[in-house]
Each structure stands twice: as structure tokens, then as C-alpha cells.
N, C-alpha and C. Protein backbone atom coordinates (compact mmCIF):
# COMPACT_ATOMS: atom_id res chain seq x y z
N MET A 1 -11.86 7.58 -22.61
CA MET A 1 -11.17 8.31 -21.55
C MET A 1 -9.66 8.09 -21.68
N ASN A 2 -8.91 9.14 -21.67
CA ASN A 2 -7.46 9.04 -21.75
C ASN A 2 -6.89 8.60 -20.42
N LYS A 3 -5.89 7.72 -20.51
CA LYS A 3 -5.20 7.29 -19.30
C LYS A 3 -4.22 8.37 -18.90
N ILE A 4 -4.04 8.53 -17.61
CA ILE A 4 -3.07 9.49 -17.09
C ILE A 4 -1.99 8.66 -16.39
N ILE A 5 -0.99 8.29 -17.15
CA ILE A 5 0.07 7.41 -16.66
C ILE A 5 1.38 8.20 -16.63
N ALA A 6 2.06 8.13 -15.50
CA ALA A 6 3.35 8.82 -15.34
C ALA A 6 4.43 8.14 -16.18
N CYS A 7 5.55 8.79 -16.32
CA CYS A 7 6.69 8.23 -17.07
C CYS A 7 7.02 6.82 -16.62
N CYS A 8 6.89 6.56 -15.33
CA CYS A 8 7.28 5.29 -14.71
C CYS A 8 6.18 4.24 -14.70
N GLY A 9 4.95 4.64 -15.02
CA GLY A 9 3.84 3.69 -15.01
C GLY A 9 2.86 3.88 -13.88
N ILE A 10 3.14 4.78 -12.96
CA ILE A 10 2.17 5.07 -11.90
C ILE A 10 0.92 5.66 -12.53
N ASP A 11 -0.24 5.23 -12.05
CA ASP A 11 -1.52 5.72 -12.54
C ASP A 11 -1.86 7.02 -11.81
N CYS A 12 -1.65 8.13 -12.48
CA CYS A 12 -1.88 9.45 -11.87
C CYS A 12 -3.34 9.64 -11.45
N ALA A 13 -4.25 8.98 -12.15
CA ALA A 13 -5.67 9.13 -11.82
C ALA A 13 -5.99 8.62 -10.42
N THR A 14 -5.13 7.75 -9.88
CA THR A 14 -5.35 7.23 -8.54
C THR A 14 -4.41 7.85 -7.50
N CYS A 15 -3.62 8.82 -7.91
CA CYS A 15 -2.64 9.45 -7.02
C CYS A 15 -3.31 10.51 -6.15
N ASP A 16 -3.09 10.43 -4.86
CA ASP A 16 -3.70 11.39 -3.93
C ASP A 16 -3.20 12.81 -4.15
N ALA A 17 -1.96 12.98 -4.57
CA ALA A 17 -1.45 14.34 -4.82
C ALA A 17 -2.21 14.97 -5.98
N ARG A 18 -2.43 14.21 -7.03
CA ARG A 18 -3.17 14.75 -8.17
C ARG A 18 -4.62 15.01 -7.79
N THR A 19 -5.23 14.08 -7.08
CA THR A 19 -6.62 14.26 -6.66
C THR A 19 -6.76 15.50 -5.79
N ALA A 20 -5.85 15.68 -4.84
CA ALA A 20 -5.89 16.86 -3.96
C ALA A 20 -5.73 18.14 -4.76
N THR A 21 -4.88 18.10 -5.78
CA THR A 21 -4.65 19.29 -6.61
C THR A 21 -5.89 19.61 -7.44
N ILE A 22 -6.41 18.62 -8.13
CA ILE A 22 -7.57 18.82 -9.01
C ILE A 22 -8.78 19.30 -8.21
N ASN A 23 -8.96 18.74 -7.02
CA ASN A 23 -10.13 19.08 -6.19
C ASN A 23 -9.85 20.19 -5.18
N ASN A 24 -8.63 20.71 -5.17
CA ASN A 24 -8.21 21.71 -4.19
C ASN A 24 -8.62 21.28 -2.77
N ASP A 25 -8.23 20.04 -2.45
CA ASP A 25 -8.62 19.40 -1.19
C ASP A 25 -7.47 19.47 -0.19
N ASN A 26 -7.53 20.46 0.69
CA ASN A 26 -6.45 20.65 1.66
C ASN A 26 -6.36 19.53 2.69
N ALA A 27 -7.48 18.93 3.04
CA ALA A 27 -7.45 17.81 3.99
C ALA A 27 -6.70 16.63 3.38
N LEU A 28 -6.95 16.36 2.11
CA LEU A 28 -6.24 15.27 1.43
C LEU A 28 -4.76 15.60 1.27
N ARG A 29 -4.44 16.87 1.05
CA ARG A 29 -3.03 17.28 0.99
C ARG A 29 -2.34 16.97 2.32
N GLU A 30 -3.00 17.32 3.43
CA GLU A 30 -2.44 17.06 4.77
C GLU A 30 -2.24 15.56 4.98
N GLN A 31 -3.25 14.76 4.64
CA GLN A 31 -3.17 13.31 4.80
C GLN A 31 -2.02 12.73 3.97
N THR A 32 -1.96 13.15 2.73
CA THR A 32 -0.94 12.64 1.81
C THR A 32 0.45 13.03 2.26
N ALA A 33 0.61 14.28 2.67
CA ALA A 33 1.92 14.74 3.15
C ALA A 33 2.35 13.92 4.36
N SER A 34 1.45 13.70 5.28
CA SER A 34 1.77 12.93 6.48
C SER A 34 2.18 11.50 6.12
N LYS A 35 1.41 10.89 5.24
CA LYS A 35 1.71 9.51 4.82
C LYS A 35 3.05 9.44 4.09
N TRP A 36 3.27 10.33 3.14
CA TRP A 36 4.50 10.30 2.35
C TRP A 36 5.71 10.70 3.17
N ARG A 37 5.53 11.64 4.10
CA ARG A 37 6.63 12.07 4.97
C ARG A 37 7.17 10.87 5.74
N GLU A 38 6.25 10.05 6.26
CA GLU A 38 6.66 8.86 7.01
C GLU A 38 7.20 7.79 6.06
N MET A 39 6.50 7.54 4.97
CA MET A 39 6.87 6.49 4.02
C MET A 39 8.26 6.71 3.44
N TYR A 40 8.56 7.96 3.10
CA TYR A 40 9.83 8.29 2.45
C TYR A 40 10.84 8.92 3.40
N ASN A 41 10.48 8.98 4.69
CA ASN A 41 11.35 9.54 5.72
C ASN A 41 11.90 10.90 5.27
N SER A 42 10.97 11.78 4.88
CA SER A 42 11.36 13.08 4.34
C SER A 42 10.54 14.20 4.98
N ALA A 43 11.20 14.96 5.84
CA ALA A 43 10.54 16.08 6.51
C ALA A 43 10.18 17.19 5.54
N ASP A 44 10.76 17.18 4.35
CA ASP A 44 10.49 18.21 3.34
C ASP A 44 9.10 18.10 2.73
N ILE A 45 8.45 16.96 2.90
CA ILE A 45 7.12 16.78 2.32
C ILE A 45 6.09 17.39 3.26
N THR A 46 5.48 18.45 2.81
CA THR A 46 4.44 19.15 3.58
C THR A 46 3.19 19.26 2.72
N ALA A 47 2.10 19.66 3.33
CA ALA A 47 0.86 19.84 2.58
C ALA A 47 1.05 20.83 1.44
N GLU A 48 1.90 21.82 1.65
CA GLU A 48 2.15 22.82 0.62
C GLU A 48 2.85 22.23 -0.61
N THR A 49 3.56 21.12 -0.43
CA THR A 49 4.26 20.50 -1.56
C THR A 49 3.39 19.49 -2.31
N ILE A 50 2.22 19.20 -1.76
CA ILE A 50 1.33 18.22 -2.39
C ILE A 50 0.46 18.92 -3.43
N ASN A 51 1.07 19.17 -4.56
CA ASN A 51 0.40 19.78 -5.71
C ASN A 51 1.00 19.17 -6.96
N CYS A 52 0.18 18.50 -7.76
CA CYS A 52 0.70 17.85 -8.96
C CYS A 52 -0.45 17.54 -9.91
N THR A 53 -0.24 17.83 -11.18
CA THR A 53 -1.20 17.43 -12.20
C THR A 53 -0.67 16.26 -13.02
N GLY A 54 0.51 15.77 -12.65
CA GLY A 54 1.13 14.64 -13.34
C GLY A 54 2.44 15.05 -13.98
N CYS A 55 3.42 14.16 -13.96
CA CYS A 55 4.76 14.52 -14.45
C CYS A 55 4.81 14.70 -15.96
N ARG A 56 3.81 14.18 -16.67
CA ARG A 56 3.78 14.34 -18.13
C ARG A 56 2.80 15.42 -18.56
N ALA A 57 2.05 15.96 -17.62
CA ALA A 57 1.01 16.94 -17.94
C ALA A 57 1.55 18.36 -17.80
N ASP A 58 0.90 19.27 -18.49
CA ASP A 58 1.19 20.69 -18.26
C ASP A 58 0.64 21.03 -16.89
N GLY A 59 1.26 21.94 -16.23
CA GLY A 59 0.76 22.37 -14.92
C GLY A 59 1.75 22.07 -13.82
N VAL A 60 1.28 22.22 -12.61
CA VAL A 60 2.11 22.07 -11.43
C VAL A 60 2.55 20.62 -11.25
N LYS A 61 3.75 20.45 -10.70
CA LYS A 61 4.30 19.12 -10.46
C LYS A 61 4.81 19.01 -9.03
N PHE A 62 4.72 17.82 -8.48
CA PHE A 62 5.30 17.53 -7.17
C PHE A 62 6.81 17.74 -7.28
N ALA A 63 7.42 18.26 -6.24
CA ALA A 63 8.84 18.62 -6.27
C ALA A 63 9.73 17.49 -6.77
N HIS A 64 9.43 16.25 -6.40
CA HIS A 64 10.27 15.12 -6.81
C HIS A 64 10.32 14.96 -8.33
N CYS A 65 9.29 15.38 -9.03
CA CYS A 65 9.27 15.25 -10.50
C CYS A 65 10.50 15.88 -11.14
N PHE A 66 10.98 16.95 -10.57
CA PHE A 66 12.10 17.68 -11.17
C PHE A 66 13.45 16.99 -10.94
N GLU A 67 13.50 16.08 -9.97
CA GLU A 67 14.75 15.36 -9.71
C GLU A 67 14.63 13.86 -10.01
N CYS A 68 13.48 13.44 -10.48
CA CYS A 68 13.21 12.02 -10.74
C CYS A 68 14.10 11.50 -11.87
N GLU A 69 14.89 10.49 -11.56
CA GLU A 69 15.81 9.90 -12.55
C GLU A 69 15.04 9.23 -13.69
N ILE A 70 13.89 8.66 -13.38
CA ILE A 70 13.08 8.01 -14.41
C ILE A 70 12.59 9.06 -15.41
N ARG A 71 12.02 10.13 -14.90
CA ARG A 71 11.51 11.20 -15.76
C ARG A 71 12.64 11.82 -16.59
N LYS A 72 13.79 12.04 -15.96
CA LYS A 72 14.94 12.60 -16.69
C LYS A 72 15.35 11.69 -17.85
N CYS A 73 15.39 10.39 -17.59
CA CYS A 73 15.79 9.42 -18.61
C CYS A 73 14.80 9.43 -19.77
N VAL A 74 13.51 9.36 -19.45
CA VAL A 74 12.46 9.36 -20.48
C VAL A 74 12.57 10.61 -21.35
N LYS A 75 12.71 11.77 -20.71
CA LYS A 75 12.79 13.03 -21.45
C LYS A 75 14.06 13.10 -22.30
N SER A 76 15.18 12.60 -21.76
CA SER A 76 16.44 12.66 -22.51
C SER A 76 16.41 11.79 -23.76
N LYS A 77 15.59 10.73 -23.73
CA LYS A 77 15.48 9.84 -24.88
C LYS A 77 14.36 10.25 -25.83
N GLY A 78 13.60 11.27 -25.44
CA GLY A 78 12.50 11.74 -26.28
C GLY A 78 11.29 10.83 -26.26
N TYR A 79 11.15 10.03 -25.22
CA TYR A 79 10.02 9.12 -25.09
C TYR A 79 8.88 9.78 -24.32
N ASN A 80 7.70 9.15 -24.40
CA ASN A 80 6.57 9.58 -23.57
C ASN A 80 6.65 8.94 -22.19
N THR A 81 6.98 7.64 -22.17
CA THR A 81 7.09 6.88 -20.92
C THR A 81 8.17 5.82 -21.09
N CYS A 82 8.45 5.12 -20.01
CA CYS A 82 9.39 3.99 -20.07
C CYS A 82 8.85 2.88 -20.96
N GLY A 83 7.54 2.83 -21.17
CA GLY A 83 6.95 1.82 -22.03
C GLY A 83 7.40 1.94 -23.48
N ASP A 84 7.93 3.08 -23.86
CA ASP A 84 8.43 3.28 -25.23
C ASP A 84 9.84 2.73 -25.41
N CYS A 85 10.49 2.38 -24.32
CA CYS A 85 11.90 1.99 -24.36
C CYS A 85 12.04 0.47 -24.45
N SER A 86 12.92 0.02 -25.34
CA SER A 86 13.16 -1.42 -25.51
C SER A 86 13.86 -2.03 -24.30
N LEU A 87 14.39 -1.19 -23.43
CA LEU A 87 15.11 -1.68 -22.25
C LEU A 87 14.22 -1.76 -21.00
N LEU A 88 12.92 -1.58 -21.17
CA LEU A 88 12.00 -1.56 -20.02
C LEU A 88 12.24 -2.72 -19.06
N ASP A 89 12.30 -3.93 -19.57
CA ASP A 89 12.39 -5.10 -18.69
C ASP A 89 13.75 -5.29 -18.04
N SER A 90 14.78 -4.64 -18.56
CA SER A 90 16.11 -4.80 -17.97
C SER A 90 16.61 -3.53 -17.28
N CYS A 91 15.81 -2.48 -17.29
CA CYS A 91 16.24 -1.19 -16.74
C CYS A 91 16.25 -1.21 -15.21
N GLU A 92 17.39 -0.88 -14.65
CA GLU A 92 17.50 -0.83 -13.19
C GLU A 92 16.82 0.40 -12.60
N ILE A 93 16.76 1.48 -13.38
CA ILE A 93 16.18 2.72 -12.86
C ILE A 93 14.69 2.54 -12.60
N VAL A 94 13.94 2.17 -13.62
CA VAL A 94 12.49 1.99 -13.42
C VAL A 94 12.21 0.67 -12.69
N GLY A 95 13.08 -0.30 -12.85
CA GLY A 95 12.90 -1.59 -12.18
C GLY A 95 12.83 -1.46 -10.67
N ALA A 96 13.61 -0.54 -10.12
CA ALA A 96 13.59 -0.32 -8.67
C ALA A 96 12.21 0.13 -8.21
N LEU A 97 11.55 0.97 -8.99
CA LEU A 97 10.21 1.44 -8.64
C LEU A 97 9.17 0.35 -8.88
N LEU A 98 9.30 -0.37 -9.99
CA LEU A 98 8.30 -1.38 -10.34
C LEU A 98 8.24 -2.53 -9.34
N LYS A 99 9.28 -2.70 -8.54
CA LYS A 99 9.23 -3.69 -7.46
C LYS A 99 8.12 -3.33 -6.46
N TYR A 100 7.89 -2.04 -6.29
CA TYR A 100 6.91 -1.54 -5.33
C TYR A 100 5.58 -1.19 -5.99
N VAL A 101 5.60 -1.01 -7.29
CA VAL A 101 4.39 -0.66 -8.05
C VAL A 101 4.31 -1.61 -9.25
N PRO A 102 4.04 -2.91 -8.97
CA PRO A 102 4.09 -3.89 -10.05
C PRO A 102 3.07 -3.64 -11.17
N GLU A 103 1.98 -2.98 -10.85
CA GLU A 103 0.98 -2.67 -11.89
C GLU A 103 1.50 -1.62 -12.87
N GLY A 104 2.59 -0.95 -12.51
CA GLY A 104 3.17 0.07 -13.37
C GLY A 104 3.58 -0.46 -14.73
N ARG A 105 4.15 -1.66 -14.77
CA ARG A 105 4.57 -2.24 -16.05
C ARG A 105 3.36 -2.45 -16.95
N ALA A 106 2.29 -3.01 -16.42
CA ALA A 106 1.07 -3.22 -17.21
C ALA A 106 0.50 -1.88 -17.67
N ASN A 107 0.54 -0.88 -16.80
CA ASN A 107 0.06 0.45 -17.19
C ASN A 107 0.86 0.98 -18.38
N LEU A 108 2.18 0.83 -18.32
CA LEU A 108 3.04 1.31 -19.40
C LEU A 108 2.74 0.59 -20.71
N LEU A 109 2.58 -0.72 -20.62
CA LEU A 109 2.35 -1.51 -21.83
C LEU A 109 0.94 -1.32 -22.39
N SER A 110 0.03 -0.82 -21.57
CA SER A 110 -1.36 -0.63 -22.03
C SER A 110 -1.56 0.67 -22.81
N LEU A 111 -0.56 1.55 -22.77
CA LEU A 111 -0.70 2.83 -23.45
C LEU A 111 -0.68 2.64 -24.96
N ASN A 112 -1.54 3.39 -25.61
CA ASN A 112 -1.60 3.35 -27.07
C ASN A 112 -1.59 4.78 -27.55
N TYR A 113 -0.59 5.14 -28.30
CA TYR A 113 -0.43 6.53 -28.74
C TYR A 113 -0.98 6.78 -30.15
N ASP A 114 -1.78 5.87 -30.66
CA ASP A 114 -2.33 6.05 -32.02
C ASP A 114 -3.18 7.29 -32.13
């Protein structure tokens, strides 16, 4: 089974936005929007914006993917994820996220592109 890991190390397979998109689950979209709206103090997050197949996948993406500094950096360097970068452990950009998603580093390091 292929891992679905975002540029930053988030496990997309466990992401409610991706699950809601794949299953076309409007109730989960509503729940996720409500949770994220409060968590990120962002009124712009609505059920209609909860659609994502993953920032590295073809298909629809959550609006933040297009402004994500981590994703921009990865793409500008031609990498698949931050795990490809020798600066992973000292990077302030992804480091800020990994404080809240500590499993992200292990996810990044577990990827094998053979």
C-alpha cells in the first residue's frame, strides 16, 4: 500500500478533508469545517472548502494548499516532500508545523521512492 504523505509529513490517509472528499461525506465536511474554523480562527473555512485529495496528488486541493509555504518550498526545490531536503531538521518553515504534528518527521523519513 502506498503511503499518502503531504509535503510537510501530514498523513493524508488520516485527514478528515481527504476522507470526506473520497467518500463524498457532507456530514464529515461540516464537522471538519467547524473544527478547523475554530482551530485556525478562520471564518473562510466552510464545508464547501473541505475538498482535498492531498497536496501532492492530482485532483482537488484544500484552499490552503495553494498558499502553503511548505508546499511552495518543496515544489521550488523540485522535491517530493521535506524529507528529501538536507535542511529538514533545521528548517523553520516545516519546523513550525512539526511542533504540532510530531509524527510528521517520522512520516517524511519513512518514505521510500525506490
